[in-house]
Amino acid sequence: MKQPEAYLFGQILGTHSFLLKDGFLEPDEYSEIREQYFLPGGETGTAATVLDSLGVPVRMTGTWIGTAVAPMLRAFYETKNVDLSAIHYWEDDPGVMDYVVIAGLVRSPMGRFQTLFSSGERWWSVPREEDIAGCRAAAIDPFFGAETMLAAELCRKNGVPYVTIDCPHDSDLHRYAAINVVSKECTSQRYAGMAPETVMELMKETTDGLTIITQGGGEMLYARKGGGIKRMKPFSVEVRSTLGAGDTFKAGCTYALLHGMSDSETVRFASACSAIAISRFPLPLHPPTLAEVEALLKGGKEA
């Protein structure tokens, strides 16, 4: 196991994925399953898999891992440079899992997250400084309240820049982030009725970091405080499954942060990672490699 270069904190799940053969589910109609898997998922779990494939050793923690997920998780990462030493294991609970039905551009996730978050109980780890110190970059999911902010504070204390996702413009997690990747789902929920350009104006002026707004297959926007809004079209690929696309984009941004890429290089690199991810299924078994990303960057065409 190599010394971790990136620290990841957030959602780590066991994901049951089902790729359908002929279109998405219809009420009262039979659907044939083409492929199904039980593999690591969640925003942090997927990012860890992708970063390992890109050659970055990582340490991840966050969601507690239960009895139904632990054997799969340990076996999957046994031969990878993903340090699981900071993870806490439940001994009397199957653990957090989700179920995702997929058909091309359409997917529907199912789980018990509303129940879990409303329980009033913590089912995730508390970040430790010793796990962060020595890393050169981090990726922090925004879901875990005080523990999320503790991870960000420990990163700042130790000079570790971090990437985050879907944080609003008035949050401290956004304010101190090196990169905040904001999805179309986030802007449509938090900034309903507002044009992406208007949202970006709010976002970019409340941080010294880079803000990226993704829009699925649409044009990406990115900007910094005091600068104009720049745009980039995503790469054009044949979509097999969109599961993990955003998590892969986050991983690409973390890799770019580690390697000192410019803003334009960062967005293009992360977009290439995500394009490769959506062209295959299941992503954990076929994550983008650095050679594949570089080949797409060299010879690929944006949409």
C-alpha atoms as a PDB file:
ATOM      1  CA  MET A   1       0.000   0.000   0.000  1.00  0.00           C
ATOM      2  CA  LYS A   2       1.465   3.338  -1.061  1.00  0.00           C
ATOM      3  CA  GLN A   3       1.301   6.465   1.087  1.00  0.00           C
ATOM      4  CA  PRO A   4      -2.099   8.105   0.382  1.00  0.00           C
ATOM      5  CA  GLU A   5      -1.942  11.300  -1.651  1.00  0.00           C
ATOM      6  CA  ALA A   6      -5.669  12.094  -1.469  1.00  0.00           C
ATOM      7  CA  TYR A   7      -8.069  12.017   1.481  1.00  0.00           C
ATOM      8  CA  LEU A   8     -11.723  11.278   0.708  1.00  0.00           C
ATOM      9  CA  PHE A   9     -14.601  11.794   3.150  1.00  0.00           C
ATOM     10  CA  GLY A  10     -18.239  11.042   2.439  1.00  0.00           C
ATOM     11  CA  GLN A  11     -20.682   8.451   1.170  1.00  0.00           C
ATOM     12  CA  ILE A  12     -19.368   4.894   0.778  1.00  0.00           C
ATOM     13  CA  LEU A  13     -22.058   2.375  -0.104  1.00  0.00           C
ATOM     14  CA  GLY A  14     -22.749  -1.050  -1.397  1.00  0.00           C
ATOM     15  CA  THR A  15     -24.581  -0.387  -4.664  1.00  0.00           C
ATOM     16  CA  HIS A  16     -26.882  -2.947  -6.267  1.00  0.00           C
ATOM     17  CA  SER A  17     -27.099  -1.882  -9.929  1.00  0.00           C
ATOM     18  CA  PHE A  18     -29.436  -3.270 -12.563  1.00  0.00           C
ATOM     19  CA  LEU A  19     -28.913  -2.512 -16.254  1.00  0.00           C
ATOM     20  CA  LEU A  20     -32.144  -3.161 -18.149  1.00  0.00           C
ATOM     21  CA  LYS A  21     -32.264  -4.704 -21.604  1.00  0.00           C
ATOM     22  CA  ASP A  22     -35.080  -2.786 -23.303  1.00  0.00           C
ATOM     23  CA  GLY A  23     -35.804   0.713 -22.034  1.00  0.00           C
ATOM     24  CA  PHE A  24     -36.736   1.967 -18.592  1.00  0.00           C
ATOM     25  CA  LEU A  25     -39.377   0.594 -16.236  1.00  0.00           C
ATOM     26  CA  GLU A  26     -43.026   0.992 -17.199  1.00  0.00           C
ATOM     27  CA  PRO A  27     -45.924   0.505 -14.759  1.00  0.00           C
ATOM     28  CA  ASP A  28     -47.385  -2.999 -14.855  1.00  0.00           C
ATOM     29  CA  GLU A  29     -44.940  -4.110 -17.555  1.00  0.00           C
ATOM     30  CA  TYR A  30     -42.162  -6.700 -17.344  1.00  0.00           C
ATOM     31  CA  SER A  31     -38.535  -5.574 -17.683  1.00  0.00           C
ATOM     32  CA  GLU A  32     -35.606  -7.849 -18.518  1.00  0.00           C
ATOM     33  CA  ILE A  33     -32.368  -7.357 -16.573  1.00  0.00           C
ATOM     34  CA  ARG A  34     -29.327  -7.447 -18.845  1.00  0.00           C
ATOM     35  CA  GLU A  35     -26.669  -7.160 -16.110  1.00  0.00           C
ATOM     36  CA  GLN A  36     -26.633  -6.750 -12.338  1.00  0.00           C
ATOM     37  CA  TYR A  37     -23.851  -6.181  -9.802  1.00  0.00           C
ATOM     38  CA  PHE A  38     -23.119  -5.503  -6.143  1.00  0.00           C
ATOM     39  CA  LEU A  39     -20.100  -3.195  -5.989  1.00  0.00           C
ATOM     40  CA  PRO A  40     -18.711  -0.192  -4.083  1.00  0.00           C
ATOM     41  CA  GLY A  41     -20.640   3.006  -4.749  1.00  0.00           C
ATOM     42  CA  GLY A  42     -21.513   6.359  -3.268  1.00  0.00           C
ATOM     43  CA  GLU A  43     -19.871   9.652  -4.141  1.00  0.00           C
ATOM     44  CA  THR A  44     -16.734   8.847  -2.150  1.00  0.00           C
ATOM     45  CA  GLY A  45     -16.577   5.131  -2.922  1.00  0.00           C
ATOM     46  CA  THR A  46     -16.791   5.741  -6.666  1.00  0.00           C
ATOM     47  CA  ALA A  47     -14.257   8.586  -6.549  1.00  0.00           C
ATOM     48  CA  ALA A  48     -11.804   6.345  -4.680  1.00  0.00           C
ATOM     49  CA  THR A  49     -12.109   3.662  -7.357  1.00  0.00           C
ATOM     50  CA  VAL A  50     -11.530   6.173 -10.147  1.00  0.00           C
ATOM     51  CA  LEU A  51      -8.575   7.874  -8.468  1.00  0.00           C
ATOM     52  CA  ASP A  52      -6.918   4.511  -7.858  1.00  0.00           C
ATOM     53  CA  SER A  53      -7.350   3.707 -11.550  1.00  0.00           C
ATOM     54  CA  LEU A  54      -5.715   7.055 -12.414  1.00  0.00           C
ATOM     55  CA  GLY A  55      -2.720   6.116 -10.278  1.00  0.00           C
ATOM     56  CA  VAL A  56      -3.536   8.105  -7.128  1.00  0.00           C
ATOM     57  CA  PRO A  57      -3.306   6.257  -3.777  1.00  0.00           C
ATOM     58  CA  VAL A  58      -6.150   7.359  -1.506  1.00  0.00           C
ATOM     59  CA  ARG A  59      -7.449   7.052   2.040  1.00  0.00           C
ATOM     60  CA  MET A  60     -11.225   7.108   2.377  1.00  0.00           C
ATOM     61  CA  THR A  61     -13.688   7.211   5.229  1.00  0.00           C
ATOM     62  CA  GLY A  62     -17.198   8.422   5.937  1.00  0.00           C
ATOM     63  CA  THR A  63     -20.209   6.127   5.975  1.00  0.00           C
ATOM     64  CA  TRP A  64     -20.005   3.282   8.497  1.00  0.00           C
ATOM     65  CA  ILE A  65     -19.717  -0.069   6.734  1.00  0.00           C
ATOM     66  CA  GLY A  66     -22.046  -2.878   7.803  1.00  0.00           C
ATOM     67  CA  THR A  67     -21.948  -6.664   7.713  1.00  0.00           C
ATOM     68  CA  ALA A  68     -23.532  -7.009   4.251  1.00  0.00           C
ATOM     69  CA  VAL A  69     -21.163  -4.480   2.644  1.00  0.00           C
ATOM     70  CA  ALA A  70     -17.848  -5.091   4.428  1.00  0.00           C
ATOM     71  CA  PRO A  71     -16.824  -8.403   2.797  1.00  0.00           C
ATOM     72  CA  MET A  72     -17.464  -7.033  -0.697  1.00  0.00           C
ATOM     73  CA  LEU A  73     -15.693  -3.749   0.052  1.00  0.00           C
ATOM     74  CA  ARG A  74     -12.602  -5.392   1.532  1.00  0.00           C
ATOM     75  CA  ALA A  75     -12.326  -7.895  -1.313  1.00  0.00           C
ATOM     76  CA  PHE A  76     -12.779  -5.233  -3.985  1.00  0.00           C
ATOM     77  CA  TYR A  77     -10.047  -2.925  -2.648  1.00  0.00           C
ATOM     78  CA  GLU A  78      -7.658  -5.686  -1.534  1.00  0.00           C
ATOM     79  CA  THR A  79      -5.430  -5.266  -4.600  1.00  0.00           C
ATOM     80  CA  LYS A  80      -5.895  -1.478  -4.933  1.00  0.00           C
ATOM     81  CA  ASN A  81      -4.124   1.503  -3.381  1.00  0.00           C
ATOM     82  CA  VAL A  82      -7.196   2.463  -1.357  1.00  0.00           C
ATOM     83  CA  ASP A  83      -6.531   2.676   2.383  1.00  0.00           C
ATOM     84  CA  LEU A  84      -9.570   1.511   4.402  1.00  0.00           C
ATOM     85  CA  SER A  85      -7.912   1.863   7.819  1.00  0.00           C
ATOM     86  CA  ALA A  86      -9.970   4.928   8.794  1.00  0.00           C
ATOM     87  CA  ILE A  87     -13.318   3.231   8.120  1.00  0.00           C
ATOM     88  CA  HIS A  88     -15.569   2.229  11.031  1.00  0.00           C
ATOM     89  CA  TYR A  89     -17.419  -1.084  10.752  1.00  0.00           C
ATOM     90  CA  TRP A  90     -20.876  -1.855  12.125  1.00  0.00           C
ATOM     91  CA  GLU A  91     -21.003  -5.292  13.753  1.00  0.00           C
ATOM     92  CA  ASP A  92     -24.784  -5.571  14.094  1.00  0.00           C
ATOM     93  CA  ASP A  93     -26.145  -3.803  11.007  1.00  0.00           C
ATOM     94  CA  PRO A  94     -26.068  -4.805   7.323  1.00  0.00           C
ATOM     95  CA  GLY A  95     -24.910  -1.294   6.411  1.00  0.00           C
ATOM     96  CA  VAL A  96     -25.907   1.385   3.940  1.00  0.00           C
ATOM     97  CA  MET A  97     -26.874   0.182   0.476  1.00  0.00           C
ATOM     98  CA  ASP A  98     -28.688   1.608  -2.506  1.00  0.00           C
ATOM     99  CA  TYR A  99     -30.397   0.072  -5.514  1.00  0.00           C
ATOM    100  CA  VAL A 100     -30.137   1.662  -8.946  1.00  0.00           C
ATOM    101  CA  VAL A 101     -32.138   0.774 -12.062  1.00  0.00           C
ATOM    102  CA  ILE A 102     -30.450   1.952 -15.270  1.00  0.00           C
ATOM    103  CA  ALA A 103     -31.385   2.222 -18.925  1.00  0.00           C
ATOM    104  CA  GLY A 104     -29.022   4.396 -20.954  1.00  0.00           C
ATOM    105  CA  LEU A 105     -29.481   8.068 -20.076  1.00  0.00           C
ATOM    106  CA  VAL A 106     -32.113   7.270 -17.450  1.00  0.00           C
ATOM    107  CA  ARG A 107     -31.549   5.882 -13.977  1.00  0.00           C
ATOM    108  CA  SER A 108     -33.528   5.701 -10.757  1.00  0.00           C
ATOM    109  CA  PRO A 109     -31.782   5.249  -7.384  1.00  0.00           C
ATOM    110  CA  MET A 110     -33.601   3.804  -4.390  1.00  0.00           C
ATOM    111  CA  GLY A 111     -32.584   3.591  -0.767  1.00  0.00           C
ATOM    112  CA  ARG A 112     -33.420   4.488   2.837  1.00  0.00           C
ATOM    113  CA  PHE A 113     -31.484   7.716   3.148  1.00  0.00           C
ATOM    114  CA  GLN A 114     -34.421   9.854   4.302  1.00  0.00           C
ATOM    115  CA  THR A 115     -35.003   7.379   7.119  1.00  0.00           C
ATOM    116  CA  LEU A 116     -31.321   7.280   8.015  1.00  0.00           C
ATOM    117  CA  PHE A 117     -30.843  11.046   8.057  1.00  0.00           C
ATOM    118  CA  SER A 118     -34.059  11.605  10.046  1.00  0.00           C
ATOM    119  CA  SER A 119     -33.095   9.062  12.712  1.00  0.00           C
ATOM    120  CA  GLY A 120     -31.075  11.652  14.629  1.00  0.00           C
ATOM    121  CA  GLU A 121     -28.231   9.167  14.957  1.00  0.00           C
ATOM    122  CA  ARG A 122     -24.787   9.464  13.406  1.00  0.00           C
ATOM    123  CA  TRP A 123     -23.899   6.644  11.013  1.00  0.00           C
ATOM    124  CA  TRP A 124     -20.641   8.072   9.705  1.00  0.00           C
ATOM    125  CA  SER A 125     -17.140   8.553  11.075  1.00  0.00           C
ATOM    126  CA  VAL A 126     -15.574  11.615  12.691  1.00  0.00           C
ATOM    127  CA  PRO A 127     -12.609  12.870  10.607  1.00  0.00           C
ATOM    128  CA  ARG A 128      -9.190  12.548  12.249  1.00  0.00           C
ATOM    129  CA  GLU A 129      -6.293  14.903  11.673  1.00  0.00           C
ATOM    130  CA  GLU A 130      -3.787  12.062  11.417  1.00  0.00           C
ATOM    131  CA  ASP A 131      -5.693  10.674   8.413  1.00  0.00           C
ATOM    132  CA  ILE A 132      -5.524  14.008   6.565  1.00  0.00           C
ATOM    133  CA  ALA A 133      -2.019  15.204   7.438  1.00  0.00           C
ATOM    134  CA  GLY A 134       0.445  14.093   4.796  1.00  0.00           C
ATOM    135  CA  CYS A 135      -2.129  14.034   1.986  1.00  0.00           C
ATOM    136  CA  ARG A 136      -1.809  16.610  -0.794  1.00  0.00           C
ATOM    137  CA  ALA A 137      -5.478  16.986  -1.778  1.00  0.00           C
ATOM    138  CA  ALA A 138      -8.902  15.967  -0.527  1.00  0.00           C
ATOM    139  CA  ALA A 139     -12.472  15.448  -1.683  1.00  0.00           C
ATOM    140  CA  ILE A 140     -15.262  16.116   0.820  1.00  0.00           C
ATOM    141  CA  ASP A 141     -18.936  15.260   0.355  1.00  0.00           C
ATOM    142  CA  PRO A 142     -21.358  17.807   1.890  1.00  0.00           C
ATOM    143  CA  PHE A 143     -23.796  15.398   3.547  1.00  0.00           C
ATOM    144  CA  PHE A 144     -22.561  14.931   7.106  1.00  0.00           C
ATOM    145  CA  GLY A 145     -23.071  18.245   8.894  1.00  0.00           C
ATOM    146  CA  ALA A 146     -20.551  19.008  11.636  1.00  0.00           C
ATOM    147  CA  GLU A 147     -18.288  16.149  10.568  1.00  0.00           C
ATOM    148  CA  THR A 148     -18.190  17.493   7.013  1.00  0.00           C
ATOM    149  CA  MET A 149     -17.096  20.890   8.309  1.00  0.00           C
ATOM    150  CA  LEU A 150     -14.546  19.283  10.613  1.00  0.00           C
ATOM    151  CA  ALA A 151     -12.995  17.539   7.605  1.00  0.00           C
ATOM    152  CA  ALA A 152     -12.811  20.891   5.803  1.00  0.00           C
ATOM    153  CA  GLU A 153     -11.310  22.640   8.854  1.00  0.00           C
ATOM    154  CA  LEU A 154      -8.663  19.937   9.277  1.00  0.00           C
ATOM    155  CA  CYS A 155      -7.799  20.213   5.594  1.00  0.00           C
ATOM    156  CA  ARG A 156      -7.354  23.984   5.949  1.00  0.00           C
ATOM    157  CA  LYS A 157      -5.263  23.551   9.105  1.00  0.00           C
ATOM    158  CA  ASN A 158      -2.939  21.132   7.319  1.00  0.00           C
ATOM    159  CA  GLY A 159      -2.777  23.052   4.035  1.00  0.00           C
ATOM    160  CA  VAL A 160      -4.662  20.373   2.084  1.00  0.00           C
ATOM    161  CA  PRO A 161      -6.848  21.874  -0.689  1.00  0.00           C
ATOM    162  CA  TYR A 162     -10.171  20.128  -1.184  1.00  0.00           C
ATOM    163  CA  VAL A 163     -12.788  19.483  -3.850  1.00  0.00           C
ATOM    164  CA  THR A 164     -16.454  19.409  -2.898  1.00  0.00           C
ATOM    165  CA  ILE A 165     -19.791  19.069  -4.674  1.00  0.00           C
ATOM    166  CA  ASP A 166     -23.188  20.754  -4.757  1.00  0.00           C
ATOM    167  CA  CYS A 167     -22.519  23.351  -2.058  1.00  0.00           C
ATOM    168  CA  PRO A 168     -24.569  26.587  -2.156  1.00  0.00           C
ATOM    169  CA  HIS A 169     -22.891  29.947  -2.533  1.00  0.00           C
ATOM    170  CA  ASP A 170     -23.430  30.985   1.099  1.00  0.00           C
ATOM    171  CA  SER A 171     -21.911  27.867   2.701  1.00  0.00           C
ATOM    172  CA  ASP A 172     -18.493  27.712   4.370  1.00  0.00           C
ATOM    173  CA  LEU A 173     -17.754  24.469   2.549  1.00  0.00           C
ATOM    174  CA  HIS A 174     -18.033  26.346  -0.748  1.00  0.00           C
ATOM    175  CA  ARG A 175     -16.218  29.425   0.560  1.00  0.00           C
ATOM    176  CA  TYR A 176     -13.045  27.549   1.458  1.00  0.00           C
ATOM    177  CA  ALA A 177     -13.056  24.928  -1.309  1.00  0.00           C
ATOM    178  CA  ALA A 178     -10.356  24.798  -3.971  1.00  0.00           C
ATOM    179  CA  ILE A 179     -13.029  23.467  -6.359  1.00  0.00           C
ATOM    180  CA  ASN A 180     -16.808  23.195  -5.991  1.00  0.00           C
ATOM    181  CA  VAL A 181     -18.551  21.120  -8.676  1.00  0.00           C
ATOM    182  CA  VAL A 182     -22.236  22.037  -8.833  1.00  0.00           C
ATOM    183  CA  SER A 183     -24.574  19.728 -10.726  1.00  0.00           C
ATOM    184  CA  LYS A 184     -27.680  20.523 -12.729  1.00  0.00           C
ATOM    185  CA  GLU A 185     -29.719  18.682 -10.084  1.00  0.00           C
ATOM    186  CA  CYS A 186     -28.364  21.022  -7.412  1.00  0.00           C
ATOM    187  CA  THR A 187     -29.002  24.248  -9.326  1.00  0.00           C
ATOM    188  CA  SER A 188     -32.534  23.179 -10.290  1.00  0.00           C
ATOM    189  CA  GLN A 189     -33.393  22.467  -6.645  1.00  0.00           C
ATOM    190  CA  ARG A 190     -31.569  25.251  -4.803  1.00  0.00           C
ATOM    191  CA  TYR A 191     -31.798  27.944  -7.495  1.00  0.00           C
ATOM    192  CA  ALA A 192     -35.074  27.095  -9.210  1.00  0.00           C
ATOM    193  CA  GLY A 193     -35.936  29.401 -12.083  1.00  0.00           C
ATOM    194  CA  MET A 194     -32.497  31.043 -12.161  1.00  0.00           C
ATOM    195  CA  ALA A 195     -30.287  30.934 -15.255  1.00  0.00           C
ATOM    196  CA  PRO A 196     -26.996  29.061 -14.810  1.00  0.00           C
ATOM    197  CA  GLU A 197     -25.109  32.301 -15.500  1.00  0.00           C
ATOM    198  CA  THR A 198     -26.940  34.035 -12.650  1.00  0.00           C
ATOM    199  CA  VAL A 199     -26.161  31.176 -10.300  1.00  0.00           C
ATOM    200  CA  MET A 200     -22.509  31.313 -11.331  1.00  0.00           C
ATOM    201  CA  GLU A 201     -22.303  35.029 -10.565  1.00  0.00           C
ATOM    202  CA  LEU A 202     -23.454  34.254  -7.022  1.00  0.00           C
ATOM    203  CA  MET A 203     -21.118  31.290  -6.664  1.00  0.00           C
ATOM    204  CA  LYS A 204     -17.878  32.718  -7.984  1.00  0.00           C
ATOM    205  CA  GLU A 205     -17.888  35.898  -5.911  1.00  0.00           C
ATOM    206  CA  THR A 206     -18.129  34.076  -2.562  1.00  0.00           C
ATOM    207  CA  THR A 207     -14.981  31.958  -2.847  1.00  0.00           C
ATOM    208  CA  ASP A 208     -11.384  32.203  -3.954  1.00  0.00           C
ATOM    209  CA  GLY A 209     -11.680  28.742  -5.455  1.00  0.00           C
ATOM    210  CA  LEU A 210     -12.892  27.478  -8.814  1.00  0.00           C
ATOM    211  CA  THR A 211     -16.630  26.949  -9.329  1.00  0.00           C
ATOM    212  CA  ILE A 212     -17.804  24.536 -12.032  1.00  0.00           C
ATOM    213  CA  ILE A 213     -21.463  24.139 -12.987  1.00  0.00           C
ATOM    214  CA  THR A 214     -22.176  20.956 -14.917  1.00  0.00           C
ATOM    215  CA  GLN A 215     -25.365  20.473 -16.921  1.00  0.00           C
ATOM    216  CA  GLY A 216     -25.451  16.819 -17.864  1.00  0.00           C
ATOM    217  CA  GLY A 217     -24.887  16.673 -21.597  1.00  0.00           C
ATOM    218  CA  GLY A 218     -25.069  20.459 -21.832  1.00  0.00           C
ATOM    219  CA  GLU A 219     -22.371  23.094 -21.717  1.00  0.00           C
ATOM    220  CA  MET A 220     -20.308  23.410 -18.532  1.00  0.00           C
ATOM    221  CA  LEU A 221     -19.654  26.803 -16.945  1.00  0.00           C
ATOM    222  CA  TYR A 222     -16.616  27.627 -14.823  1.00  0.00           C
ATOM    223  CA  ALA A 223     -15.297  30.792 -13.233  1.00  0.00           C
ATOM    224  CA  ARG A 224     -13.356  32.462 -10.421  1.00  0.00           C
ATOM    225  CA  LYS A 225     -13.927  35.592  -8.373  1.00  0.00           C
ATOM    226  CA  GLY A 226     -13.436  38.745 -10.411  1.00  0.00           C
ATOM    227  CA  GLY A 227     -13.253  36.873 -13.721  1.00  0.00           C
ATOM    228  CA  GLY A 228     -15.628  36.167 -16.547  1.00  0.00           C
ATOM    229  CA  ILE A 229     -17.623  32.995 -17.043  1.00  0.00           C
ATOM    230  CA  LYS A 230     -15.947  30.423 -19.283  1.00  0.00           C
ATOM    231  CA  ARG A 231     -17.682  27.567 -21.062  1.00  0.00           C
ATOM    232  CA  MET A 232     -16.790  24.102 -22.237  1.00  0.00           C
ATOM    233  CA  LYS A 233     -18.785  21.447 -24.034  1.00  0.00           C
ATOM    234  CA  PRO A 234     -18.568  17.852 -22.778  1.00  0.00           C
ATOM    235  CA  PHE A 235     -17.017  15.113 -24.858  1.00  0.00           C
ATOM    236  CA  SER A 236     -19.344  13.220 -27.156  1.00  0.00           C
ATOM    237  CA  VAL A 237     -19.527   9.487 -26.383  1.00  0.00           C
ATOM    238  CA  GLU A 238     -22.067   6.703 -26.667  1.00  0.00           C
ATOM    239  CA  VAL A 239     -23.778   6.497 -23.273  1.00  0.00           C
ATOM    240  CA  ARG A 240     -24.130   3.102 -21.667  1.00  0.00           C
ATOM    241  CA  SER A 241     -24.869   4.232 -18.113  1.00  0.00           C
ATOM    242  CA  THR A 242     -24.735   7.612 -16.361  1.00  0.00           C
ATOM    243  CA  LEU A 243     -24.263   6.019 -12.923  1.00  0.00           C
ATOM    244  CA  GLY A 244     -21.160   7.542 -11.319  1.00  0.00           C
ATOM    245  CA  ALA A 245     -20.653  10.291 -13.902  1.00  0.00           C
ATOM    246  CA  GLY A 246     -20.619  13.124 -11.350  1.00  0.00           C
ATOM    247  CA  ASP A 247     -18.499  11.161  -8.888  1.00  0.00           C
ATOM    248  CA  THR A 248     -15.968  10.519 -11.648  1.00  0.00           C
ATOM    249  CA  PHE A 249     -15.934  14.223 -12.533  1.00  0.00           C
ATOM    250  CA  LYS A 250     -15.137  14.972  -8.870  1.00  0.00           C
ATOM    251  CA  ALA A 251     -12.312  12.427  -8.959  1.00  0.00           C
ATOM    252  CA  GLY A 252     -10.960  14.059 -12.116  1.00  0.00           C
ATOM    253  CA  CYS A 253     -10.946  17.449 -10.388  1.00  0.00           C
ATOM    254  CA  THR A 254      -9.085  15.943  -7.426  1.00  0.00           C
ATOM    255  CA  TYR A 255      -6.465  14.493  -9.776  1.00  0.00           C
ATOM    256  CA  ALA A 256      -6.130  17.880 -11.494  1.00  0.00           C
ATOM    257  CA  LEU A 257      -5.693  19.590  -8.114  1.00  0.00           C
ATOM    258  CA  LEU A 258      -2.901  17.167  -7.228  1.00  0.00           C
ATOM    259  CA  HIS A 259      -1.128  17.913 -10.497  1.00  0.00           C
ATOM    260  CA  GLY A 260      -1.484  21.684 -10.527  1.00  0.00           C
ATOM    261  CA  MET A 261      -3.627  21.916 -13.643  1.00  0.00           C
ATOM    262  CA  SER A 262      -5.021  25.226 -14.861  1.00  0.00           C
ATOM    263  CA  ASP A 263      -8.780  25.847 -14.651  1.00  0.00           C
ATOM    264  CA  SER A 264      -9.344  24.966 -18.311  1.00  0.00           C
ATOM    265  CA  GLU A 265      -7.145  21.872 -18.028  1.00  0.00           C
ATOM    266  CA  THR A 266      -9.023  20.825 -14.898  1.00  0.00           C
ATOM    267  CA  VAL A 267     -12.461  21.069 -16.474  1.00  0.00           C
ATOM    268  CA  ARG A 268     -11.350  19.313 -19.642  1.00  0.00           C
ATOM    269  CA  PHE A 269      -9.574  16.516 -17.743  1.00  0.00           C
ATOM    270  CA  ALA A 270     -12.549  15.913 -15.434  1.00  0.00           C
ATOM    271  CA  SER A 271     -14.921  15.979 -18.410  1.00  0.00           C
ATOM    272  CA  ALA A 272     -12.839  13.363 -20.212  1.00  0.00           C
ATOM    273  CA  CYS A 273     -12.868  11.128 -17.124  1.00  0.00           C
ATOM    274  CA  SER A 274     -16.641  11.439 -16.885  1.00  0.00           C
ATOM    275  CA  ALA A 275     -17.132  10.791 -20.612  1.00  0.00           C
ATOM    276  CA  ILE A 276     -15.222   7.523 -20.383  1.00  0.00           C
ATOM    277  CA  ALA A 277     -17.197   6.556 -17.276  1.00  0.00           C
ATOM    278  CA  ILE A 278     -20.609   6.902 -18.938  1.00  0.00           C
ATOM    279  CA  SER A 279     -19.497   4.873 -21.947  1.00  0.00           C
ATOM    280  CA  ARG A 280     -19.228   1.662 -19.909  1.00  0.00           C
ATOM    281  CA  PHE A 281     -20.931  -0.446 -17.252  1.00  0.00           C
ATOM    282  CA  PRO A 282     -20.349  -1.232 -14.471  1.00  0.00           C
ATOM    283  CA  LEU A 283     -18.011   1.651 -13.732  1.00  0.00           C
ATOM    284  CA  PRO A 284     -16.249   0.112 -10.678  1.00  0.00           C
ATOM    285  CA  LEU A 285     -15.030  -2.794 -12.829  1.00  0.00           C
ATOM    286  CA  HIS A 286     -14.049  -0.556 -15.748  1.00  0.00           C
ATOM    287  CA  PRO A 287     -12.919   2.837 -14.370  1.00  0.00           C
ATOM    288  CA  PRO A 288     -11.112   5.234 -16.701  1.00  0.00           C
ATOM    289  CA  THR A 289      -7.344   4.837 -16.787  1.00  0.00           C
ATOM    290  CA  LEU A 290      -4.910   7.704 -17.212  1.00  0.00           C
ATOM    291  CA  ALA A 291      -3.898   6.389 -20.634  1.00  0.00           C
ATOM    292  CA  GLU A 292      -7.530   6.365 -21.771  1.00  0.00           C
ATOM    293  CA  VAL A 293      -8.131   9.892 -20.491  1.00  0.00           C
ATOM    294  CA  GLU A 294      -4.993  11.217 -22.172  1.00  0.00           C
ATOM    295  CA  ALA A 295      -5.982   9.541 -25.441  1.00  0.00           C
ATOM    296  CA  LEU A 296      -9.431  11.148 -25.322  1.00  0.00           C
ATOM    297  CA  LEU A 297      -7.920  14.537 -24.507  1.00  0.00           C
ATOM    298  CA  LYS A 298      -5.543  14.208 -27.423  1.00  0.00           C
ATOM    299  CA  GLY A 299      -7.874  12.857 -30.061  1.00  0.00           C
ATOM    300  CA  GLY A 300     -11.400  13.232 -28.773  1.00  0.00           C
ATOM    301  CA  LYS A 301     -13.926  15.863 -29.741  1.00  0.00           C
ATOM    302  CA  GLU A 302     -16.165  17.857 -27.474  1.00  0.00           C
ATOM    303  CA  ALA A 303     -19.860  17.552 -28.265  1.00  0.00           C
END
